[in-house]
């Protein structure tokens, strides 16, 4: 048995205790009131990296919250891997729905409950633990390592692209790995090979200077909410196909192999429907629900408002309406192009005499797809097989991980998504939790992963 395997087993209790300590820090990047807590989390993580034996640990300033950097670069002739994660977390609201306080970690039935347990403080620490296991036993790592752990992922990583462009030499590498990922289950090892991109806009519509009395002007003027509803309705047809001109022009259609991969996903559409509590799954007829979530872009109205909202009735004709629309994008699509097409569609469906403005939101992201024969994916597959005894499945997901496209565009490297959250961990929700066994398994997988990456045959 490798010495590092014994080391990880012998230090499970300490690693779990450190995990719980990290979770007590309410590093909520969304809320300014937690600014000092986010900075405290960066300090805590830097200290943990130093104690693990990593070098050149530095808290790097950005335009927002800092990036925590560390490295170990003494594996001569071996490739360099950049490890990505984030130490910020989502707000814990609504607090009343938590069984225990969100920043007071509690172990129940093998699961650790706290905000950030799954997304993604555990996934950050398990990478550190894997490095520590090699360094404290053999005194070296089989591969060169660089860490880039940010504090703004939960707000769209606004400062990260600039920091990466300004630090290209510091983070130069052969491959990258993102632990901001998940496993289908501990029995079904998983690598996520594709994520969707994201863009969003706000639509603001005005039909006049003021709301009007519905008994005086009714039947003679536009109702802003009716107009907004018509515009939104025009964006989809009866089959759920997005009717914005050119929306599908550049997408990369799934190959037969990719659809076969989707068919092997160990959860039926009906089981998925039950797991999310939906009354019915709706999707394009030529795709299954899972294929739609993996391979097809989306256009969703996230919110719409206008007119009278309080209790009772106020018989007015609203002069303003607003909507927020977001699109998840697939391989081949670009956020800026989709925004232009949305704006053109809205303009062409706006009646004369109605004023509409569209404002894109910051934080757009490109879709990402890792090639099936990529060496870093082969190494991840081998590591999962070593740690679990089972062959990994490859899946895509409808969520967005901005850093994947950022790294590809700015330093030209591919990234494997290898994390140990669970699909039912309640990320972003009350009572978020993680399977502690998965946390410890993840450290073993990453330790194997480093060994496989260190082999010259992967270069």
Protein backbone atom coordinates (compact mmCIF):
# COMPACT_ATOMS: atom_id res chain seq x y z
CA UNK A 1 0.00 0.00 0.00
CA UNK A 2 1.21 3.48 -0.84
CA UNK A 3 2.34 5.43 2.23
CA UNK A 4 0.03 8.30 1.36
CA UNK A 5 -3.00 6.00 1.51
CA UNK A 6 -2.17 5.11 5.12
CA UNK A 7 -1.53 8.78 5.87
CA UNK A 8 -4.97 9.80 4.64
CA UNK A 9 -6.63 7.03 6.66
CA UNK A 10 -4.74 7.94 9.82
CA UNK A 11 -5.57 11.64 9.47
CA UNK A 12 -9.28 11.40 8.60
CA UNK A 13 -10.41 12.72 11.99
CA UNK A 14 -8.10 15.75 11.78
CA UNK A 15 -9.07 16.49 8.19
CA UNK A 16 -12.75 16.32 9.13
CA UNK A 17 -12.19 18.65 12.07
CA UNK A 18 -10.39 21.15 9.85
CA UNK A 19 -13.26 20.96 7.39
CA UNK A 20 -15.70 21.84 10.16
CA UNK A 21 -13.51 24.78 11.23
CA UNK A 22 -13.51 26.16 7.69
CA UNK A 23 -17.31 25.89 7.56
CA UNK A 24 -17.75 28.11 10.63
CA UNK A 25 -16.57 31.12 8.60
CA UNK A 26 -19.60 32.77 6.90
CA UNK A 27 -17.73 33.74 3.73
CA UNK A 28 -20.81 35.04 1.89
CA UNK A 29 -19.46 37.06 -1.04
CA UNK A 30 -22.89 38.39 -2.01
CA UNK A 31 -23.37 40.41 1.18
CA UNK A 32 -21.12 43.35 2.02
CA UNK A 33 -21.74 42.74 5.72
CA UNK A 34 -19.68 39.56 5.41
CA UNK A 35 -16.66 41.20 3.74
CA UNK A 36 -14.42 40.60 6.74
CA UNK A 37 -15.57 36.97 6.90
CA UNK A 38 -14.67 36.36 3.25
CA UNK A 39 -11.20 37.79 3.89
CA UNK A 40 -10.92 35.66 7.03
CA UNK A 41 -11.71 32.55 4.99
CA UNK A 42 -8.89 33.44 2.57
CA UNK A 43 -6.49 33.80 5.52
CA UNK A 44 -7.62 30.47 6.99
CA UNK A 45 -7.14 28.67 3.68
CA UNK A 46 -3.69 30.16 3.12
CA UNK A 47 -2.63 28.96 6.56
CA UNK A 48 -3.95 25.46 5.85
CA UNK A 49 -2.02 25.34 2.57
CA UNK A 50 1.19 26.28 4.34
CA UNK A 51 0.73 23.59 6.99
CA UNK A 52 0.18 21.03 4.21
CA UNK A 53 3.65 21.76 2.85
CA UNK A 54 2.70 23.83 -0.18
CA UNK A 55 5.00 26.68 -1.18
CA UNK A 56 4.75 30.31 -2.29
CA UNK A 57 1.38 30.65 -0.56
CA UNK A 58 0.02 34.10 -1.23
CA UNK A 59 -3.26 35.97 -0.83
CA UNK A 60 -3.41 37.83 -4.14
CA UNK A 61 -5.38 41.04 -4.32
CA UNK A 62 -7.97 41.53 -7.08
CA UNK A 63 -10.55 44.22 -7.82
CA UNK A 64 -12.81 42.31 -5.42
CA UNK A 65 -12.05 39.43 -3.09
CA UNK A 66 -8.59 37.84 -3.23
CA UNK A 67 -7.34 34.73 -4.98
CA UNK A 68 -5.44 32.32 -2.73
CA UNK A 69 -2.42 30.98 -4.62
CA UNK A 70 0.02 28.19 -3.69
CA UNK A 71 2.31 25.84 -5.59
CA UNK A 72 4.84 23.03 -5.49
CA UNK A 73 7.02 22.93 -8.60
CA UNK A 74 9.83 20.43 -8.09
CA UNK A 75 8.63 17.46 -10.21
CA UNK A 76 11.22 17.69 -12.95
CA UNK A 77 9.95 16.49 -16.33
CA UNK A 78 6.37 16.15 -15.09
CA UNK A 79 3.43 18.28 -16.23
CA UNK A 80 1.94 21.14 -14.24
CA UNK A 81 -1.69 21.01 -13.09
CA UNK A 82 -3.66 24.08 -11.99
CA UNK A 83 -6.22 23.29 -9.30
CA UNK A 84 -9.29 25.54 -9.12
CA UNK A 85 -11.91 26.08 -6.45
CA UNK A 86 -13.63 28.82 -4.48
CA UNK A 87 -13.89 29.61 -0.79
CA UNK A 88 -16.95 31.88 -0.90
CA UNK A 89 -20.46 30.57 -0.25
CA UNK A 90 -24.07 31.45 -0.93
CA UNK A 91 -26.25 33.34 1.60
CA UNK A 92 -27.96 31.02 4.08
CA UNK A 93 -31.47 32.52 3.82
CA UNK A 94 -34.12 31.54 4.70
CA UNK A 95 -32.65 30.79 8.12
CA UNK A 96 -35.93 29.46 9.53
CA UNK A 97 -35.71 26.42 7.24
CA UNK A 98 -32.36 25.24 8.62
CA UNK A 99 -32.54 22.41 11.12
CA UNK A 100 -29.30 23.65 12.69
CA UNK A 101 -27.55 27.04 12.30
CA UNK A 102 -25.89 27.21 8.86
CA UNK A 103 -22.44 28.15 10.16
CA UNK A 104 -22.41 25.75 13.08
CA UNK A 105 -21.50 22.47 11.32
CA UNK A 106 -23.23 19.35 12.59
CA UNK A 107 -22.61 15.71 11.73
CA UNK A 108 -25.77 13.66 11.31
CA UNK A 109 -25.95 10.16 9.85
CA UNK A 110 -22.62 10.44 8.09
CA UNK A 111 -23.37 13.85 6.58
CA UNK A 112 -21.90 17.19 7.59
CA UNK A 113 -24.52 19.97 7.52
CA UNK A 114 -23.47 23.60 6.98
CA UNK A 115 -23.52 26.29 4.31
CA UNK A 116 -20.60 25.60 1.97
CA UNK A 117 -20.21 21.94 2.98
CA UNK A 118 -20.93 20.76 -0.56
CA UNK A 119 -20.39 23.98 -2.52
CA UNK A 120 -17.46 23.91 -2.14
CA UNK A 121 -15.23 24.16 0.90
CA UNK A 122 -14.93 20.40 1.22
CA UNK A 123 -13.88 20.08 -2.41
CA UNK A 124 -11.16 22.69 -1.87
CA UNK A 125 -9.78 21.02 1.23
CA UNK A 126 -9.71 17.50 -0.19
CA UNK A 127 -7.27 18.72 -2.88
CA UNK A 128 -5.08 20.22 -0.16
CA UNK A 129 -5.31 16.99 1.84
CA UNK A 130 -4.18 14.97 -1.18
CA UNK A 131 -1.14 17.19 -1.62
CA UNK A 132 -0.34 16.96 2.08
CA UNK A 133 -0.50 13.16 2.01
CA UNK A 134 2.19 12.98 -0.68
CA UNK A 135 4.37 15.71 0.81
CA UNK A 136 4.29 14.40 4.39
CA UNK A 137 5.14 10.84 3.35
CA UNK A 138 7.53 10.98 0.37
CA UNK A 139 8.45 14.64 0.64
CA UNK A 140 7.41 15.29 -2.92
CA UNK A 141 4.54 15.34 -5.39
CA UNK A 142 4.49 13.27 -8.60
CA UNK A 143 3.32 16.31 -10.58
CA UNK A 144 3.81 20.06 -10.41
CA UNK A 145 0.91 21.75 -8.63
CA UNK A 146 -0.54 25.27 -8.67
CA UNK A 147 -3.62 26.32 -6.69
CA UNK A 148 -5.97 29.14 -7.72
CA UNK A 149 -8.80 29.42 -5.20
CA UNK A 150 -11.05 32.45 -5.67
CA UNK A 151 -13.54 34.22 -3.42
CA UNK A 152 -16.13 35.46 -5.94
CA UNK A 153 -17.54 32.42 -7.74
CA UNK A 154 -20.94 32.82 -6.10
CA UNK A 155 -21.24 36.31 -7.60
CA UNK A 156 -20.10 35.32 -11.10
CA UNK A 157 -16.29 35.61 -10.70
CA UNK A 158 -16.24 39.27 -11.81
CA UNK A 159 -12.58 39.88 -10.88
CA UNK A 160 -11.15 36.56 -12.00
CA UNK A 161 -10.73 37.14 -15.78
CA UNK A 162 -8.66 40.28 -15.20
CA UNK A 163 -6.55 38.58 -12.52
CA UNK A 164 -5.91 35.61 -14.82
CA UNK A 165 -4.90 37.86 -17.73
CA UNK A 166 -2.52 39.76 -15.44
CA UNK A 167 -1.04 36.58 -13.97
CA UNK A 168 -0.75 34.30 -16.99
CA UNK A 169 2.86 33.40 -16.25
CA UNK A 170 2.13 32.66 -12.58
CA UNK A 171 -0.64 30.18 -13.42
CA UNK A 172 0.84 28.78 -16.66
CA UNK A 173 0.17 25.03 -16.74
CA UNK A 174 -0.42 22.01 -18.95
CA UNK A 175 -3.87 21.10 -17.61
CA UNK A 176 -6.35 22.30 -15.02
CA UNK A 177 -8.78 20.57 -12.69
CA UNK A 178 -11.88 22.12 -11.18
CA UNK A 179 -13.24 20.59 -8.00
CA UNK A 180 -16.43 22.61 -8.46
CA UNK A 181 -18.15 19.43 -9.59
CA UNK A 182 -20.06 16.40 -8.34
CA UNK A 183 -20.46 12.63 -8.32
CA UNK A 184 -23.67 10.83 -9.26
CA UNK A 185 -23.05 8.69 -6.18
CA UNK A 186 -20.11 7.18 -4.32
CA UNK A 187 -20.82 3.91 -6.15
CA UNK A 188 -20.92 5.53 -9.61
CA UNK A 189 -17.71 7.52 -10.15
CA UNK A 190 -18.35 10.51 -12.36
CA UNK A 191 -16.49 13.08 -14.41
CA UNK A 192 -18.39 16.07 -15.77
CA UNK A 193 -17.08 16.78 -19.27
CA UNK A 194 -19.45 19.53 -20.37
CA UNK A 195 -21.06 22.58 -18.77
CA UNK A 196 -23.35 25.22 -20.21
CA UNK A 197 -22.58 28.87 -20.73
CA UNK A 198 -24.71 31.71 -19.42
CA UNK A 199 -25.98 35.13 -20.41
CA UNK A 200 -28.82 37.25 -19.03
CA UNK A 201 -30.62 40.52 -19.67
CA UNK A 202 -33.19 42.74 -18.02
CA UNK A 203 -36.02 44.06 -20.18
CA UNK A 204 -37.68 47.34 -19.18
CA UNK A 205 -40.83 48.43 -21.03
CA UNK A 206 -42.86 51.66 -20.92
CA UNK A 207 -46.14 52.44 -22.67
CA UNK A 208 -46.69 55.97 -21.30
CA UNK A 209 -45.85 58.47 -18.61
CA UNK A 210 -48.09 57.09 -15.86
CA UNK A 211 -50.45 54.30 -14.88
CA UNK A 212 -53.99 55.01 -16.06
CA UNK A 213 -57.50 54.50 -14.70
CA UNK A 214 -58.82 51.29 -16.31
CA UNK A 215 -62.34 52.73 -16.52
CA UNK A 216 -61.25 55.84 -18.36
CA UNK A 217 -58.49 54.62 -20.69
CA UNK A 218 -59.35 50.92 -20.84
CA UNK A 219 -59.56 49.59 -24.40
CA UNK A 220 -57.72 52.59 -25.85
CA UNK A 221 -54.10 52.15 -24.68
CA UNK A 222 -51.47 49.44 -24.30
CA UNK A 223 -51.20 47.61 -20.99
CA UNK A 224 -47.46 47.26 -20.34
CA UNK A 225 -47.81 43.83 -18.74
CA UNK A 226 -49.82 42.55 -21.69
CA UNK A 227 -47.14 43.80 -24.10
CA UNK A 228 -44.34 42.21 -22.05
CA UNK A 229 -46.28 38.94 -21.92
CA UNK A 230 -46.70 38.98 -25.69
CA UNK A 231 -42.98 39.59 -26.23
CA UNK A 232 -42.03 36.75 -23.90
CA UNK A 233 -44.60 34.42 -25.44
CA UNK A 234 -43.10 35.10 -28.88
CA UNK A 235 -39.77 33.63 -27.79
CA UNK A 236 -40.96 29.99 -27.73
CA UNK A 237 -43.21 27.83 -29.87
CA UNK A 238 -45.67 25.19 -28.73
CA UNK A 239 -42.97 22.48 -28.59
CA UNK A 240 -40.68 24.55 -26.40
CA UNK A 241 -38.40 25.36 -29.31
CA UNK A 242 -36.79 28.79 -28.89
CA UNK A 243 -38.15 31.06 -31.62
CA UNK A 244 -35.47 33.76 -31.49
CA UNK A 245 -34.01 34.05 -34.99
CA UNK A 246 -30.57 32.43 -35.24
CA UNK A 247 -30.60 31.12 -31.68
CA UNK A 248 -29.54 27.60 -32.73
CA UNK A 249 -27.30 28.57 -35.65
CA UNK A 250 -23.90 27.76 -34.12
CA UNK A 251 -24.62 24.95 -31.69
CA UNK A 252 -22.62 21.72 -31.85
CA UNK A 253 -25.17 18.92 -32.10
CA UNK A 254 -24.48 15.87 -29.91
CA UNK A 255 -22.85 12.96 -31.69
CA UNK A 256 -24.29 9.45 -31.59
CA UNK A 257 -21.60 8.60 -29.00
CA UNK A 258 -22.65 11.51 -26.81
CA UNK A 259 -26.31 10.52 -26.97
CA UNK A 260 -25.32 6.96 -26.10
CA UNK A 261 -23.38 8.33 -23.12
CA UNK A 262 -26.52 10.18 -22.08
CA UNK A 263 -28.60 7.02 -22.38
CA UNK A 264 -26.24 5.27 -19.93
CA UNK A 265 -26.84 7.93 -17.28
CA UNK A 266 -28.09 5.91 -14.27
CA UNK A 267 -31.23 7.91 -13.61
CA UNK A 268 -34.38 7.72 -15.69
CA UNK A 269 -36.34 10.81 -16.63
CA UNK A 270 -39.13 9.67 -14.33
CA UNK A 271 -36.75 9.18 -11.41
CA UNK A 272 -35.33 12.65 -12.03
CA UNK A 273 -38.83 14.13 -12.11
CA UNK A 274 -39.61 12.58 -8.74
CA UNK A 275 -36.28 13.70 -7.25
CA UNK A 276 -36.97 17.37 -8.03
CA UNK A 277 -40.67 17.25 -7.15
CA UNK A 278 -41.89 18.38 -10.58
CA UNK A 279 -45.42 17.53 -11.66
CA UNK A 280 -44.36 17.00 -15.29
CA UNK A 281 -41.22 17.16 -17.42
CA UNK A 282 -41.54 19.25 -20.59
CA UNK A 283 -38.94 19.29 -23.36
CA UNK A 284 -38.49 19.26 -27.12
CA UNK A 285 -40.10 16.12 -28.57
CA UNK A 286 -36.96 14.92 -30.39
CA UNK A 287 -34.90 14.87 -27.18
CA UNK A 288 -35.33 13.10 -23.87
CA UNK A 289 -35.44 15.24 -20.75
CA UNK A 290 -31.85 14.30 -19.89
CA UNK A 291 -30.68 15.04 -23.43
CA UNK A 292 -32.42 18.41 -23.25
CA UNK A 293 -30.63 19.26 -20.03
CA UNK A 294 -27.26 18.12 -21.40
CA UNK A 295 -27.29 19.16 -25.04
CA UNK A 296 -29.89 21.87 -25.64
CA UNK A 297 -29.74 25.59 -24.86
CA UNK A 298 -32.42 27.23 -22.74
CA UNK A 299 -34.23 30.53 -22.48
CA UNK A 300 -35.90 31.13 -19.13
CA UNK A 301 -37.88 34.03 -17.69
CA UNK A 302 -36.48 34.33 -14.17
CA UNK A 303 -38.85 37.06 -13.05
CA UNK A 304 -41.48 39.49 -14.38
CA UNK A 305 -43.15 42.35 -12.58
CA UNK A 306 -45.19 45.50 -13.02
CA UNK A 307 -48.42 47.17 -11.93
CA UNK A 308 -50.13 46.81 -8.58
CA UNK A 309 -48.67 44.14 -6.27
CA UNK A 310 -50.28 44.77 -2.87
CA UNK A 311 -53.35 43.19 -1.27
CA UNK A 312 -56.71 43.86 -2.85
CA UNK A 313 -57.56 45.36 -6.24
CA UNK A 314 -56.36 48.55 -7.85
CA UNK A 315 -57.96 49.01 -11.25
CA UNK A 316 -55.09 50.57 -13.17
CA UNK A 317 -53.51 50.03 -16.55
CA UNK A 318 -49.77 49.69 -15.81
CA UNK A 319 -47.44 51.81 -17.89
CA UNK A 320 -44.31 49.83 -16.97
CA UNK A 321 -43.31 46.16 -16.99
CA UNK A 322 -40.00 44.47 -16.37
CA UNK A 323 -38.52 41.02 -16.88
CA UNK A 324 -35.27 39.18 -16.26
CA UNK A 325 -34.33 36.57 -18.86
CA UNK A 326 -31.39 34.15 -18.77
CA UNK A 327 -30.08 31.65 -21.30
CA UNK A 328 -27.98 28.56 -20.68
CA UNK A 329 -25.77 28.00 -23.72
CA UNK A 330 -24.23 24.91 -25.28
CA UNK A 331 -21.03 24.27 -27.22
CA UNK A 332 -20.74 26.61 -30.20
CA UNK A 333 -22.79 29.46 -28.76
CA UNK A 334 -21.28 32.71 -27.48
CA UNK A 335 -22.96 34.94 -24.89
CA UNK A 336 -22.44 38.23 -26.76
CA UNK A 337 -23.99 36.81 -29.94
CA UNK A 338 -27.02 35.44 -28.10
CA UNK A 339 -27.56 38.77 -26.33
CA UNK A 340 -27.60 40.54 -29.72
CA UNK A 341 -30.14 38.06 -31.07
CA UNK A 342 -32.35 38.47 -28.01
CA UNK A 343 -32.23 42.25 -28.35
CA UNK A 344 -33.10 42.05 -32.04
CA UNK A 345 -36.03 39.73 -31.32
CA UNK A 346 -37.39 41.99 -28.59
CA UNK A 347 -37.07 45.07 -30.81
CA UNK A 348 -38.87 43.36 -33.70
CA UNK A 349 -41.76 42.29 -31.44
CA UNK A 350 -42.22 45.65 -29.69
CA UNK A 351 -45.32 47.52 -30.91
CA UNK A 352 -45.07 51.06 -32.22
CA UNK A 353 -45.41 53.58 -29.42
CA UNK A 354 -43.88 51.31 -26.78
CA UNK A 355 -40.41 52.06 -25.41
CA UNK A 356 -38.20 49.06 -24.54
CA UNK A 357 -34.66 48.98 -23.19
CA UNK A 358 -32.56 45.85 -22.66
CA UNK A 359 -29.59 45.76 -20.29
CA UNK A 360 -27.25 42.73 -20.30
CA UNK A 361 -26.07 41.54 -16.91
CA UNK A 362 -22.39 41.12 -16.12
CA UNK A 363 -21.12 37.64 -15.40
CA UNK A 364 -21.77 35.91 -18.73
CA UNK A 365 -19.84 32.70 -19.35
CA UNK A 366 -18.94 30.48 -22.28
CA UNK A 367 -20.05 26.84 -22.51
CA UNK A 368 -17.33 24.23 -22.16
CA UNK A 369 -16.80 20.72 -23.50
CA UNK A 370 -13.76 18.51 -22.80
CA UNK A 371 -12.70 16.08 -25.53
CA UNK A 372 -13.21 12.43 -24.68
CA UNK A 373 -9.60 11.46 -25.50
CA UNK A 374 -7.98 14.26 -23.50
CA UNK A 375 -5.06 13.12 -21.27
CA UNK A 376 -6.36 14.93 -18.19
CA UNK A 377 -9.68 13.10 -18.54
CA UNK A 378 -7.88 9.79 -18.92
CA UNK A 379 -5.97 10.50 -15.70
CA UNK A 380 -9.18 11.33 -13.84
CA UNK A 381 -10.80 8.11 -15.09
CA UNK A 382 -7.81 6.06 -13.94
CA UNK A 383 -7.77 7.73 -10.52
CA UNK A 384 -11.45 7.05 -9.95
CA UNK A 385 -10.98 3.43 -10.97
CA UNK A 386 -8.04 3.05 -8.55
CA UNK A 387 -9.98 4.58 -5.66
CA UNK A 388 -13.39 2.98 -6.21
CA UNK A 389 -12.79 -0.10 -8.33
CA UNK A 390 -15.46 1.06 -10.80
CA UNK A 391 -15.18 2.64 -14.23
CA UNK A 392 -16.18 6.28 -14.40
CA UNK A 393 -19.09 7.59 -16.40
CA UNK A 394 -18.91 10.91 -18.22
CA UNK A 395 -21.79 13.35 -18.01
CA UNK A 396 -22.69 16.90 -18.90
CA UNK A 397 -24.67 19.30 -16.76
CA UNK A 398 -26.85 22.31 -17.32
CA UNK A 399 -25.09 24.46 -14.74
CA UNK A 400 -22.36 26.98 -15.53
CA UNK A 401 -18.78 27.06 -14.21
CA UNK A 402 -17.33 30.32 -15.59
CA UNK A 403 -13.69 29.46 -14.93
CA UNK A 404 -13.68 26.67 -17.53
CA UNK A 405 -14.19 29.08 -20.42
CA UNK A 406 -12.05 31.76 -18.80
CA UNK A 407 -9.04 29.43 -18.59
CA UNK A 408 -9.54 28.17 -22.15
CA UNK A 409 -9.82 31.69 -23.58
CA UNK A 410 -7.01 33.29 -21.57
CA UNK A 411 -4.29 30.67 -21.08
CA UNK A 412 -5.39 28.03 -23.58
CA UNK A 413 -5.71 25.08 -21.21
CA UNK A 414 -8.36 22.42 -20.85
CA UNK A 415 -9.96 21.60 -17.52
CA UNK A 416 -11.36 18.39 -16.10
CA UNK A 417 -14.25 18.81 -13.64
CA UNK A 418 -13.55 16.40 -10.78
CA UNK A 419 -15.42 17.10 -7.56
CA UNK A 420 -17.13 15.20 -4.78
CA UNK A 421 -20.34 17.01 -4.07
CA UNK A 422 -23.52 14.95 -4.41
CA UNK A 423 -26.49 15.62 -6.65
CA UNK A 424 -28.80 15.74 -3.62
CA UNK A 425 -26.61 17.80 -1.28
CA UNK A 426 -28.95 20.80 -1.23
CA UNK A 427 -26.39 23.22 -2.65
CA UNK A 428 -27.62 26.85 -2.37
CA UNK A 429 -30.58 25.59 -0.29
CA UNK A 430 -31.31 25.32 3.43
CA UNK A 431 -29.73 22.29 5.15
CA UNK A 432 -26.90 21.97 2.66
CA UNK A 433 -24.80 18.93 3.48
CA UNK A 434 -22.16 16.58 2.14
CA UNK A 435 -21.43 12.90 2.60
CA UNK A 436 -18.27 12.81 4.75
CA UNK A 437 -17.25 9.53 3.11
CA UNK A 438 -17.19 11.37 -0.22
CA UNK A 439 -14.94 14.06 1.26
CA UNK A 440 -12.38 11.44 2.29
CA UNK A 441 -12.78 9.52 -0.97
CA UNK A 442 -12.09 12.69 -2.92
CA UNK A 443 -8.69 13.13 -1.27
CA UNK A 444 -7.71 9.60 -2.27
CA UNK A 445 -8.89 10.16 -5.84
CA UNK A 446 -6.86 13.36 -6.17
CA UNK A 447 -3.78 11.66 -4.73
CA UNK A 448 -4.11 8.95 -7.40
CA UNK A 449 -4.88 11.63 -9.99
CA UNK A 450 -1.55 13.34 -9.28
CA UNK A 451 0.26 10.01 -9.77
CA UNK A 452 -1.36 9.39 -13.14
CA UNK A 453 -0.70 12.93 -14.32
CA UNK A 454 2.96 12.52 -13.38
CA UNK A 455 3.40 9.70 -15.88
CA UNK A 456 5.15 10.85 -19.01
CA UNK A 457 2.78 8.83 -21.21
CA UNK A 458 0.08 11.41 -20.57
CA UNK A 459 2.07 14.30 -22.04
